[in-house]
Amino acid sequence: MVTKEKCGDLVWIDMESPTHEEVRSLVEEYAIHPLVADELLSPSARPKVDVYKNLVYLILHFPTISHSHGDEIEQEIDFIIGKSFFVTVHYSSIDSLEKSNRLFSVNAVLKKCNVGAHAGYLFFFLMKELYENLMGELEYVQSELDKIENNIFNGKEHKMVPHISRMNRKLLHFKKATSQHKQVLESLEREGEGFFGKEFNYYLHAITGEYYKVSSLFEADKDILGELKATNDSLLTTKTNDIMKVLTIMAFIMLPLTLFSSLFSMNTEYLPLVEEENGFWLIVGAMIVLAGVFFLYFKHKKWF
């Protein structure tokens, strides 16, 4: 699917899962390099940035945590930035991209085409929107971490084990998707000056700054999750130790009682108390006294 919007001298072409015919038409109209055309036909494994004579080509992956339209854990966007044209290619629906495209379309209708002198400014505004969306994803993570914290300290440690594991997996996917943004954006800063001019350096640096904001919040969320996991594990270990301590004490109390009762069940000619009129109750009483002695001993030792 291809949508094409024009605002003044600037054209934005947005393509979702483009066909060979759509890519060929794009190549012919905007003189796009054949190597770039090949990349557009299917998702790419790694981010990259290439600077050609008439365009800049970037590939970036953006993680999805709460705004995914399917089972995907990341979404790829290919950017082709020319002087008067801007192309975005993606392989699934992306909310922030659609939002920016609608805003560009409205500005075109209203003839408020104040984006900038070239397509690099449109790239800048779109990247700010995309990183703002990632901040929203991490704010969702923070709300989940608050829930985990409340449940941990409300005695639901066991239930939080799978929840913590799921959140840890999502943060790992987030890190995987954004880990190479820094290198790509720094390369764009170095190479972009020759293509866009020195006056655009501020905007390229600002894009990298947006990434650092996301990275800083991600690191904070990751540290908080690590602390919550350690706390949860500690509470679970403490509970387990308490249970094992109680079971061990019970075993120590029951062991002599079992031995005591076994002795009086032996088939011999003479056993003390057995022949007495109240022998049964005397034996039971002795067992209770013995259990009480062990209980008081454990209490004195502060083993429970």
C-alpha atoms as a PDB file:
ATOM      1  CA  MET A   1       0.000   0.000   0.000  1.00  0.00           C
ATOM      2  CA  VAL A   2       1.350   3.418  -0.986  1.00  0.00           C
ATOM      3  CA  THR A   3       0.213   6.854   0.172  1.00  0.00           C
ATOM      4  CA  LYS A   4       1.647  10.026  -1.305  1.00  0.00           C
ATOM      5  CA  GLU A   5       1.218  13.467   0.200  1.00  0.00           C
ATOM      6  CA  LYS A   6       2.630  16.728  -1.116  1.00  0.00           C
ATOM      7  CA  CYS A   7       3.046  19.896   0.901  1.00  0.00           C
ATOM      8  CA  GLY A   8       4.632  22.747  -1.029  1.00  0.00           C
ATOM      9  CA  ASP A   9       7.772  21.429  -2.715  1.00  0.00           C
ATOM     10  CA  LEU A  10       8.093  18.501  -0.297  1.00  0.00           C
ATOM     11  CA  VAL A  11       6.654  15.024  -1.049  1.00  0.00           C
ATOM     12  CA  TRP A  12       6.186  12.243   1.515  1.00  0.00           C
ATOM     13  CA  ILE A  13       5.680   8.718   0.147  1.00  0.00           C
ATOM     14  CA  ASP A  14       4.684   6.129   2.753  1.00  0.00           C
ATOM     15  CA  MET A  15       4.816   2.459   1.721  1.00  0.00           C
ATOM     16  CA  GLU A  16       3.614  -0.555   3.686  1.00  0.00           C
ATOM     17  CA  SER A  17       4.955  -3.923   2.494  1.00  0.00           C
ATOM     18  CA  PRO A  18       5.679  -2.592  -1.024  1.00  0.00           C
ATOM     19  CA  THR A  19       5.500  -4.806  -4.106  1.00  0.00           C
ATOM     20  CA  HIS A  20       8.152  -5.072  -6.825  1.00  0.00           C
ATOM     21  CA  GLU A  21       6.071  -2.827  -9.065  1.00  0.00           C
ATOM     22  CA  GLU A  22       5.693  -0.138  -6.399  1.00  0.00           C
ATOM     23  CA  VAL A  23       9.414  -0.166  -5.657  1.00  0.00           C
ATOM     24  CA  ARG A  24      10.296  -0.040  -9.353  1.00  0.00           C
ATOM     25  CA  SER A  25       8.008   2.958  -9.831  1.00  0.00           C
ATOM     26  CA  LEU A  26       9.673   4.690  -6.869  1.00  0.00           C
ATOM     27  CA  VAL A  27      13.147   3.980  -8.258  1.00  0.00           C
ATOM     28  CA  GLU A  28      12.260   5.423 -11.647  1.00  0.00           C
ATOM     29  CA  GLU A  29      10.605   8.555 -10.276  1.00  0.00           C
ATOM     30  CA  TYR A  30      13.237   9.551  -7.710  1.00  0.00           C
ATOM     31  CA  ALA A  31      16.413   7.952  -9.120  1.00  0.00           C
ATOM     32  CA  ILE A  32      16.863   5.694  -6.083  1.00  0.00           C
ATOM     33  CA  HIS A  33      19.961   3.479  -6.090  1.00  0.00           C
ATOM     34  CA  PRO A  34      19.271  -0.215  -6.989  1.00  0.00           C
ATOM     35  CA  LEU A  35      20.909  -1.416  -3.752  1.00  0.00           C
ATOM     36  CA  VAL A  36      18.383   0.609  -1.779  1.00  0.00           C
ATOM     37  CA  ALA A  37      15.535  -0.765  -3.894  1.00  0.00           C
ATOM     38  CA  ASP A  38      16.554  -4.344  -3.052  1.00  0.00           C
ATOM     39  CA  GLU A  39      16.518  -3.532   0.669  1.00  0.00           C
ATOM     40  CA  LEU A  40      12.956  -2.189   0.478  1.00  0.00           C
ATOM     41  CA  LEU A  41      11.376  -5.457  -0.668  1.00  0.00           C
ATOM     42  CA  SER A  42      11.762  -7.281   2.663  1.00  0.00           C
ATOM     43  CA  PRO A  43      12.697  -6.528   6.292  1.00  0.00           C
ATOM     44  CA  SER A  44      16.382  -6.202   7.145  1.00  0.00           C
ATOM     45  CA  ALA A  45      18.157  -7.879  10.028  1.00  0.00           C
ATOM     46  CA  ARG A  46      20.285  -4.926  11.125  1.00  0.00           C
ATOM     47  CA  PRO A  47      20.008  -1.124  11.261  1.00  0.00           C
ATOM     48  CA  LYS A  48      22.249   0.856   8.923  1.00  0.00           C
ATOM     49  CA  VAL A  49      22.835   4.238   7.324  1.00  0.00           C
ATOM     50  CA  ASP A  50      24.116   4.857   3.791  1.00  0.00           C
ATOM     51  CA  VAL A  51      24.693   8.218   2.147  1.00  0.00           C
ATOM     52  CA  TYR A  52      24.330   8.439  -1.633  1.00  0.00           C
ATOM     53  CA  LYS A  53      24.719  11.384  -3.967  1.00  0.00           C
ATOM     54  CA  ASN A  54      21.024  12.306  -3.994  1.00  0.00           C
ATOM     55  CA  LEU A  55      19.674  10.674  -0.811  1.00  0.00           C
ATOM     56  CA  VAL A  56      20.334   9.295   2.655  1.00  0.00           C
ATOM     57  CA  TYR A  57      19.106   5.786   3.444  1.00  0.00           C
ATOM     58  CA  LEU A  58      18.504   4.563   7.016  1.00  0.00           C
ATOM     59  CA  ILE A  59      17.105   1.408   8.552  1.00  0.00           C
ATOM     60  CA  LEU A  60      15.971   1.484  12.195  1.00  0.00           C
ATOM     61  CA  HIS A  61      14.040  -0.989  14.343  1.00  0.00           C
ATOM     62  CA  PHE A  62      11.583   0.174  16.993  1.00  0.00           C
ATOM     63  CA  PRO A  63      10.438  -2.146  19.816  1.00  0.00           C
ATOM     64  CA  THR A  64       6.774  -2.683  20.642  1.00  0.00           C
ATOM     65  CA  ILE A  65       5.568  -3.461  24.156  1.00  0.00           C
ATOM     66  CA  SER A  66       2.020  -2.134  24.515  1.00  0.00           C
ATOM     67  CA  HIS A  67       1.250  -0.736  21.039  1.00  0.00           C
ATOM     68  CA  SER A  68       1.783  -3.764  18.855  1.00  0.00           C
ATOM     69  CA  HIS A  69      -0.882  -4.756  16.317  1.00  0.00           C
ATOM     70  CA  GLY A  70       0.173  -8.404  16.399  1.00  0.00           C
ATOM     71  CA  ASP A  71       2.753 -10.742  17.903  1.00  0.00           C
ATOM     72  CA  GLU A  72       5.699  -8.715  16.617  1.00  0.00           C
ATOM     73  CA  ILE A  73       8.266  -7.534  19.146  1.00  0.00           C
ATOM     74  CA  GLU A  74       9.804  -4.860  16.924  1.00  0.00           C
ATOM     75  CA  GLN A  75       8.903  -2.869  13.824  1.00  0.00           C
ATOM     76  CA  GLU A  76      11.265  -1.832  11.066  1.00  0.00           C
ATOM     77  CA  ILE A  77      11.144   1.513   9.294  1.00  0.00           C
ATOM     78  CA  ASP A  78      13.288   2.322   6.269  1.00  0.00           C
ATOM     79  CA  PHE A  79      13.877   6.038   5.662  1.00  0.00           C
ATOM     80  CA  ILE A  80      14.883   7.506   2.307  1.00  0.00           C
ATOM     81  CA  ILE A  81      15.662  11.201   2.679  1.00  0.00           C
ATOM     82  CA  GLY A  82      16.165  13.311  -0.421  1.00  0.00           C
ATOM     83  CA  LYS A  83      16.254  17.062  -0.742  1.00  0.00           C
ATOM     84  CA  SER A  84      12.617  17.376  -1.851  1.00  0.00           C
ATOM     85  CA  PHE A  85      11.236  13.886  -1.177  1.00  0.00           C
ATOM     86  CA  PHE A  86      10.885  11.691   1.897  1.00  0.00           C
ATOM     87  CA  VAL A  87      10.076   7.977   1.765  1.00  0.00           C
ATOM     88  CA  THR A  88       9.138   5.717   4.673  1.00  0.00           C
ATOM     89  CA  VAL A  89       8.829   1.966   4.216  1.00  0.00           C
ATOM     90  CA  HIS A  90       7.482  -0.403   6.854  1.00  0.00           C
ATOM     91  CA  TYR A  91       6.030  -3.911   6.976  1.00  0.00           C
ATOM     92  CA  SER A  92       3.254  -3.514   9.544  1.00  0.00           C
ATOM     93  CA  SER A  93       0.960  -0.769  10.835  1.00  0.00           C
ATOM     94  CA  ILE A  94       2.793   1.798  13.017  1.00  0.00           C
ATOM     95  CA  ASP A  95       0.607   4.210  14.996  1.00  0.00           C
ATOM     96  CA  SER A  96       3.087   7.067  15.405  1.00  0.00           C
ATOM     97  CA  LEU A  97       3.959   6.947  11.698  1.00  0.00           C
ATOM     98  CA  GLU A  98       0.312   7.101  10.696  1.00  0.00           C
ATOM     99  CA  LYS A  99      -0.266   9.984  13.114  1.00  0.00           C
ATOM    100  CA  SER A 100       2.583  12.015  11.618  1.00  0.00           C
ATOM    101  CA  ASN A 101       1.432  11.232   8.076  1.00  0.00           C
ATOM    102  CA  ARG A 102      -2.102  12.437   8.856  1.00  0.00           C
ATOM    103  CA  LEU A 103      -0.715  15.659  10.343  1.00  0.00           C
ATOM    104  CA  PHE A 104       1.410  16.228   7.231  1.00  0.00           C
ATOM    105  CA  SER A 105      -1.667  15.625   5.076  1.00  0.00           C
ATOM    106  CA  VAL A 106      -3.727  18.131   7.080  1.00  0.00           C
ATOM    107  CA  ASN A 107      -0.980  20.737   6.759  1.00  0.00           C
ATOM    108  CA  ALA A 108      -0.941  20.136   3.017  1.00  0.00           C
ATOM    109  CA  VAL A 109      -4.692  20.742   2.820  1.00  0.00           C
ATOM    110  CA  LEU A 110      -4.399  23.863   4.954  1.00  0.00           C
ATOM    111  CA  LYS A 111      -1.327  24.971   2.993  1.00  0.00           C
ATOM    112  CA  LYS A 112       0.697  25.294   6.203  1.00  0.00           C
ATOM    113  CA  CYS A 113       3.869  23.807   4.752  1.00  0.00           C
ATOM    114  CA  ASN A 114       6.373  25.129   7.256  1.00  0.00           C
ATOM    115  CA  VAL A 115       8.279  21.868   7.786  1.00  0.00           C
ATOM    116  CA  GLY A 116      11.626  23.194   6.567  1.00  0.00           C
ATOM    117  CA  ALA A 117      13.859  23.780   3.581  1.00  0.00           C
ATOM    118  CA  HIS A 118      14.379  20.073   2.813  1.00  0.00           C
ATOM    119  CA  ALA A 119      13.138  16.604   3.743  1.00  0.00           C
ATOM    120  CA  GLY A 120      15.667  16.296   6.571  1.00  0.00           C
ATOM    121  CA  TYR A 121      13.411  18.460   8.731  1.00  0.00           C
ATOM    122  CA  LEU A 122      10.513  16.086   8.150  1.00  0.00           C
ATOM    123  CA  PHE A 123      12.774  13.216   9.213  1.00  0.00           C
ATOM    124  CA  PHE A 124      13.634  15.164  12.366  1.00  0.00           C
ATOM    125  CA  PHE A 125       9.980  15.722  13.323  1.00  0.00           C
ATOM    126  CA  LEU A 126       9.103  12.090  12.608  1.00  0.00           C
ATOM    127  CA  MET A 127      12.008  10.758  14.690  1.00  0.00           C
ATOM    128  CA  LYS A 128      10.930  12.947  17.608  1.00  0.00           C
ATOM    129  CA  GLU A 129       7.461  11.401  17.351  1.00  0.00           C
ATOM    130  CA  LEU A 130       8.868   7.873  17.176  1.00  0.00           C
ATOM    131  CA  TYR A 131      11.089   8.380  20.212  1.00  0.00           C
ATOM    132  CA  GLU A 132       8.189   9.996  22.060  1.00  0.00           C
ATOM    133  CA  ASN A 133       6.269   6.801  21.369  1.00  0.00           C
ATOM    134  CA  LEU A 134       9.132   4.759  22.844  1.00  0.00           C
ATOM    135  CA  MET A 135       9.004   6.947  25.956  1.00  0.00           C
ATOM    136  CA  GLY A 136       5.329   6.023  26.183  1.00  0.00           C
ATOM    137  CA  GLU A 137       6.244   2.338  25.954  1.00  0.00           C
ATOM    138  CA  LEU A 138       8.685   2.738  28.834  1.00  0.00           C
ATOM    139  CA  GLU A 139       6.107   4.643  30.887  1.00  0.00           C
ATOM    140  CA  TYR A 140       3.851   1.611  30.443  1.00  0.00           C
ATOM    141  CA  VAL A 141       6.737  -0.514  31.763  1.00  0.00           C
ATOM    142  CA  GLN A 142       7.002   1.788  34.781  1.00  0.00           C
ATOM    143  CA  SER A 143       3.296   1.350  35.543  1.00  0.00           C
ATOM    144  CA  GLU A 144       3.763  -2.431  35.383  1.00  0.00           C
ATOM    145  CA  LEU A 145       6.750  -2.186  37.712  1.00  0.00           C
ATOM    146  CA  ASP A 146       4.618  -0.253  40.212  1.00  0.00           C
ATOM    147  CA  LYS A 147       2.044  -3.065  40.125  1.00  0.00           C
ATOM    148  CA  ILE A 148       4.771  -5.655  40.645  1.00  0.00           C
ATOM    149  CA  GLU A 149       6.151  -3.722  43.619  1.00  0.00           C
ATOM    150  CA  ASN A 150       2.724  -3.452  45.271  1.00  0.00           C
ATOM    151  CA  ASN A 151       2.030  -7.160  44.770  1.00  0.00           C
ATOM    152  CA  ILE A 152       5.442  -8.175  46.120  1.00  0.00           C
ATOM    153  CA  PHE A 153       4.854  -6.330  49.383  1.00  0.00           C
ATOM    154  CA  ASN A 154       1.273  -7.595  49.636  1.00  0.00           C
ATOM    155  CA  GLY A 155       2.394 -11.208  49.936  1.00  0.00           C
ATOM    156  CA  LYS A 156       2.016 -12.250  46.288  1.00  0.00           C
ATOM    157  CA  GLU A 157       5.661 -13.114  45.666  1.00  0.00           C
ATOM    158  CA  HIS A 158       4.934 -16.439  43.940  1.00  0.00           C
ATOM    159  CA  LYS A 159       2.494 -14.853  41.474  1.00  0.00           C
ATOM    160  CA  MET A 160       5.053 -12.177  40.579  1.00  0.00           C
ATOM    161  CA  VAL A 161       7.728 -14.646  39.424  1.00  0.00           C
ATOM    162  CA  PRO A 162       6.232 -15.185  35.915  1.00  0.00           C
ATOM    163  CA  HIS A 163       5.225 -11.503  35.702  1.00  0.00           C
ATOM    164  CA  ILE A 164       8.783 -10.366  36.426  1.00  0.00           C
ATOM    165  CA  SER A 165      10.093 -12.852  33.847  1.00  0.00           C
ATOM    166  CA  ARG A 166       7.720 -11.486  31.189  1.00  0.00           C
ATOM    167  CA  MET A 167       8.733  -7.893  31.896  1.00  0.00           C
ATOM    168  CA  ASN A 168      12.394  -8.853  31.794  1.00  0.00           C
ATOM    169  CA  ARG A 169      11.840 -10.471  28.402  1.00  0.00           C
ATOM    170  CA  LYS A 170      10.143  -7.339  27.073  1.00  0.00           C
ATOM    171  CA  LEU A 171      13.035  -5.168  28.234  1.00  0.00           C
ATOM    172  CA  LEU A 172      15.490  -7.545  26.570  1.00  0.00           C
ATOM    173  CA  HIS A 173      13.578  -7.193  23.309  1.00  0.00           C
ATOM    174  CA  PHE A 174      13.560  -3.413  23.772  1.00  0.00           C
ATOM    175  CA  LYS A 175      17.326  -3.389  24.251  1.00  0.00           C
ATOM    176  CA  LYS A 176      17.872  -5.633  21.246  1.00  0.00           C
ATOM    177  CA  ALA A 177      15.815  -3.365  18.972  1.00  0.00           C
ATOM    178  CA  THR A 178      17.410  -0.081  20.084  1.00  0.00           C
ATOM    179  CA  SER A 179      20.972  -1.212  20.816  1.00  0.00           C
ATOM    180  CA  GLN A 180      22.313  -0.048  17.442  1.00  0.00           C
ATOM    181  CA  HIS A 181      20.422   3.256  17.223  1.00  0.00           C
ATOM    182  CA  LYS A 182      23.362   5.068  18.812  1.00  0.00           C
ATOM    183  CA  GLN A 183      25.868   3.956  16.163  1.00  0.00           C
ATOM    184  CA  VAL A 184      23.461   4.672  13.296  1.00  0.00           C
ATOM    185  CA  LEU A 185      22.549   8.160  14.537  1.00  0.00           C
ATOM    186  CA  GLU A 186      26.149   9.075  15.281  1.00  0.00           C
ATOM    187  CA  SER A 187      27.106   7.954  11.770  1.00  0.00           C
ATOM    188  CA  LEU A 188      24.270  10.067  10.410  1.00  0.00           C
ATOM    189  CA  GLU A 189      25.613  13.080  12.311  1.00  0.00           C
ATOM    190  CA  ARG A 190      29.040  12.616  10.778  1.00  0.00           C
ATOM    191  CA  GLU A 191      27.873  11.922   7.219  1.00  0.00           C
ATOM    192  CA  GLY A 192      24.807  14.172   7.238  1.00  0.00           C
ATOM    193  CA  GLU A 193      26.723  17.442   7.326  1.00  0.00           C
ATOM    194  CA  GLY A 194      27.941  16.981   3.783  1.00  0.00           C
ATOM    195  CA  PHE A 195      24.462  16.139   2.524  1.00  0.00           C
ATOM    196  CA  PHE A 196      22.227  18.508   4.504  1.00  0.00           C
ATOM    197  CA  GLY A 197      24.698  21.302   5.291  1.00  0.00           C
ATOM    198  CA  LYS A 198      26.174  22.572   8.575  1.00  0.00           C
ATOM    199  CA  GLU A 199      22.999  24.429   9.564  1.00  0.00           C
ATOM    200  CA  PHE A 200      21.233  21.064   9.966  1.00  0.00           C
ATOM    201  CA  ASN A 201      23.803  19.686  12.444  1.00  0.00           C
ATOM    202  CA  TYR A 202      21.769  20.955  15.390  1.00  0.00           C
ATOM    203  CA  TYR A 203      18.763  18.869  14.320  1.00  0.00           C
ATOM    204  CA  LEU A 204      20.830  15.738  13.742  1.00  0.00           C
ATOM    205  CA  HIS A 205      22.354  16.151  17.200  1.00  0.00           C
ATOM    206  CA  ALA A 206      18.880  16.705  18.665  1.00  0.00           C
ATOM    207  CA  ILE A 207      17.714  13.365  17.205  1.00  0.00           C
ATOM    208  CA  THR A 208      20.613  11.628  18.965  1.00  0.00           C
ATOM    209  CA  GLY A 209      19.616  13.482  22.134  1.00  0.00           C
ATOM    210  CA  GLU A 210      16.107  12.030  21.887  1.00  0.00           C
ATOM    211  CA  TYR A 211      17.648   8.569  21.710  1.00  0.00           C
ATOM    212  CA  TYR A 212      19.690   9.250  24.853  1.00  0.00           C
ATOM    213  CA  LYS A 213      16.506  10.228  26.709  1.00  0.00           C
ATOM    214  CA  VAL A 214      14.941   6.894  25.793  1.00  0.00           C
ATOM    215  CA  SER A 215      18.143   5.018  26.661  1.00  0.00           C
ATOM    216  CA  SER A 216      18.368   6.700  30.071  1.00  0.00           C
ATOM    217  CA  LEU A 217      14.763   5.839  30.951  1.00  0.00           C
ATOM    218  CA  PHE A 218      15.287   2.266  29.744  1.00  0.00           C
ATOM    219  CA  GLU A 219      18.353   1.833  31.977  1.00  0.00           C
ATOM    220  CA  ALA A 220      16.376   3.156  34.953  1.00  0.00           C
ATOM    221  CA  ASP A 221      13.509   0.714  34.295  1.00  0.00           C
ATOM    222  CA  LYS A 222      15.964  -2.155  33.875  1.00  0.00           C
ATOM    223  CA  ASP A 223      17.660  -1.339  37.200  1.00  0.00           C
ATOM    224  CA  ILE A 224      14.308  -1.093  38.998  1.00  0.00           C
ATOM    225  CA  LEU A 225      13.206  -4.453  37.602  1.00  0.00           C
ATOM    226  CA  GLY A 226      16.499  -5.982  38.725  1.00  0.00           C
ATOM    227  CA  GLU A 227      16.000  -4.645  42.253  1.00  0.00           C
ATOM    228  CA  LEU A 228      12.408  -5.892  42.351  1.00  0.00           C
ATOM    229  CA  LYS A 229      13.522  -9.333  41.198  1.00  0.00           C
ATOM    230  CA  ALA A 230      16.210  -9.461  43.893  1.00  0.00           C
ATOM    231  CA  THR A 231      13.685  -8.379  46.542  1.00  0.00           C
ATOM    232  CA  ASN A 232      11.126 -10.910  45.358  1.00  0.00           C
ATOM    233  CA  ASP A 233      13.713 -13.698  45.360  1.00  0.00           C
ATOM    234  CA  SER A 234      14.813 -12.706  48.862  1.00  0.00           C
ATOM    235  CA  LEU A 235      11.244 -12.794  50.194  1.00  0.00           C
ATOM    236  CA  LEU A 236      10.597 -16.148  48.534  1.00  0.00           C
ATOM    237  CA  THR A 237      13.813 -17.542  50.043  1.00  0.00           C
ATOM    238  CA  THR A 238      12.851 -16.237  53.480  1.00  0.00           C
ATOM    239  CA  LYS A 239       9.411 -17.846  53.244  1.00  0.00           C
ATOM    240  CA  THR A 240      10.948 -21.119  52.095  1.00  0.00           C
ATOM    241  CA  ASN A 241      13.448 -21.043  54.948  1.00  0.00           C
ATOM    242  CA  ASP A 242      10.659 -20.409  57.457  1.00  0.00           C
ATOM    243  CA  ILE A 243       8.698 -23.371  56.116  1.00  0.00           C
ATOM    244  CA  MET A 244      11.750 -25.630  56.192  1.00  0.00           C
ATOM    245  CA  LYS A 245      12.526 -24.509  59.749  1.00  0.00           C
ATOM    246  CA  VAL A 246       9.022 -25.383  60.931  1.00  0.00           C
ATOM    247  CA  LEU A 247       9.132 -28.757  59.188  1.00  0.00           C
ATOM    248  CA  THR A 248      12.552 -29.505  60.675  1.00  0.00           C
ATOM    249  CA  ILE A 249      11.353 -28.634  64.184  1.00  0.00           C
ATOM    250  CA  MET A 250       8.296 -30.828  63.728  1.00  0.00           C
ATOM    251  CA  ALA A 251      10.528 -33.666  62.557  1.00  0.00           C
ATOM    252  CA  PHE A 252      12.798 -33.281  65.603  1.00  0.00           C
ATOM    253  CA  ILE A 253       9.775 -33.321  67.915  1.00  0.00           C
ATOM    254  CA  MET A 254       8.150 -36.305  66.227  1.00  0.00           C
ATOM    255  CA  LEU A 255      11.335 -38.402  66.062  1.00  0.00           C
ATOM    256  CA  PRO A 256      11.667 -39.113  69.827  1.00  0.00           C
ATOM    257  CA  LEU A 257       7.885 -39.512  70.112  1.00  0.00           C
ATOM    258  CA  THR A 258       7.950 -42.086  67.338  1.00  0.00           C
ATOM    259  CA  LEU A 259      10.817 -43.882  69.046  1.00  0.00           C
ATOM    260  CA  PHE A 260       9.000 -43.713  72.378  1.00  0.00           C
ATOM    261  CA  SER A 261       5.792 -45.172  70.944  1.00  0.00           C
ATOM    262  CA  SER A 262       7.728 -47.848  69.047  1.00  0.00           C
ATOM    263  CA  LEU A 263       9.407 -49.020  72.239  1.00  0.00           C
ATOM    264  CA  PHE A 264       6.056 -49.539  73.939  1.00  0.00           C
ATOM    265  CA  SER A 265       4.692 -51.439  70.964  1.00  0.00           C
ATOM    266  CA  MET A 266       7.442 -54.085  71.193  1.00  0.00           C
ATOM    267  CA  ASN A 267       6.255 -57.604  71.920  1.00  0.00           C
ATOM    268  CA  THR A 268       8.365 -58.451  74.994  1.00  0.00           C
ATOM    269  CA  GLU A 269       7.640 -60.056  78.335  1.00  0.00           C
ATOM    270  CA  TYR A 270       7.973 -56.853  80.292  1.00  0.00           C
ATOM    271  CA  LEU A 271       7.470 -53.205  79.432  1.00  0.00           C
ATOM    272  CA  PRO A 272       7.217 -50.514  82.106  1.00  0.00           C
ATOM    273  CA  LEU A 273       3.801 -48.871  82.561  1.00  0.00           C
ATOM    274  CA  VAL A 274       2.113 -51.232  80.128  1.00  0.00           C
ATOM    275  CA  GLU A 275       0.733 -53.445  82.909  1.00  0.00           C
ATOM    276  CA  GLU A 276      -0.407 -50.478  84.964  1.00  0.00           C
ATOM    277  CA  GLU A 277      -4.138 -49.748  85.226  1.00  0.00           C
ATOM    278  CA  ASN A 278      -3.752 -46.355  83.499  1.00  0.00           C
ATOM    279  CA  GLY A 279      -0.687 -47.352  81.490  1.00  0.00           C
ATOM    280  CA  PHE A 280      -1.990 -45.962  78.176  1.00  0.00           C
ATOM    281  CA  TRP A 281      -2.632 -42.527  79.609  1.00  0.00           C
ATOM    282  CA  LEU A 282       0.690 -42.517  81.417  1.00  0.00           C
ATOM    283  CA  ILE A 283       2.506 -43.251  78.160  1.00  0.00           C
ATOM    284  CA  VAL A 284       0.534 -40.588  76.268  1.00  0.00           C
ATOM    285  CA  GLY A 285       1.219 -38.112  79.043  1.00  0.00           C
ATOM    286  CA  ALA A 286       4.919 -38.901  78.933  1.00  0.00           C
ATOM    287  CA  MET A 287       4.936 -38.316  75.179  1.00  0.00           C
ATOM    288  CA  ILE A 288       3.174 -34.968  75.626  1.00  0.00           C
ATOM    289  CA  VAL A 289       5.687 -33.933  78.300  1.00  0.00           C
ATOM    290  CA  LEU A 290       8.556 -34.982  76.037  1.00  0.00           C
ATOM    291  CA  ALA A 291       7.088 -32.952  73.138  1.00  0.00           C
ATOM    292  CA  GLY A 292       6.691 -29.974  75.479  1.00  0.00           C
ATOM    293  CA  VAL A 293      10.316 -30.248  76.609  1.00  0.00           C
ATOM    294  CA  PHE A 294      11.523 -30.202  72.997  1.00  0.00           C
ATOM    295  CA  PHE A 295       9.212 -27.276  72.184  1.00  0.00           C
ATOM    296  CA  LEU A 296      10.533 -25.222  75.098  1.00  0.00           C
ATOM    297  CA  TYR A 297      14.103 -26.096  74.145  1.00  0.00           C
ATOM    298  CA  PHE A 298      13.603 -24.874  70.565  1.00  0.00           C
ATOM    299  CA  LYS A 299      11.878 -21.751  71.893  1.00  0.00           C
ATOM    300  CA  HIS A 300      14.793 -21.083  74.239  1.00  0.00           C
ATOM    301  CA  LYS A 301      17.230 -21.433  71.336  1.00  0.00           C
ATOM    302  CA  LYS A 302      15.041 -19.008  69.312  1.00  0.00           C
ATOM    303  CA  TRP A 303      14.819 -21.423  66.402  1.00  0.00           C
ATOM    304  CA  PHE A 304      11.288 -20.183  65.737  1.00  0.00           C
END
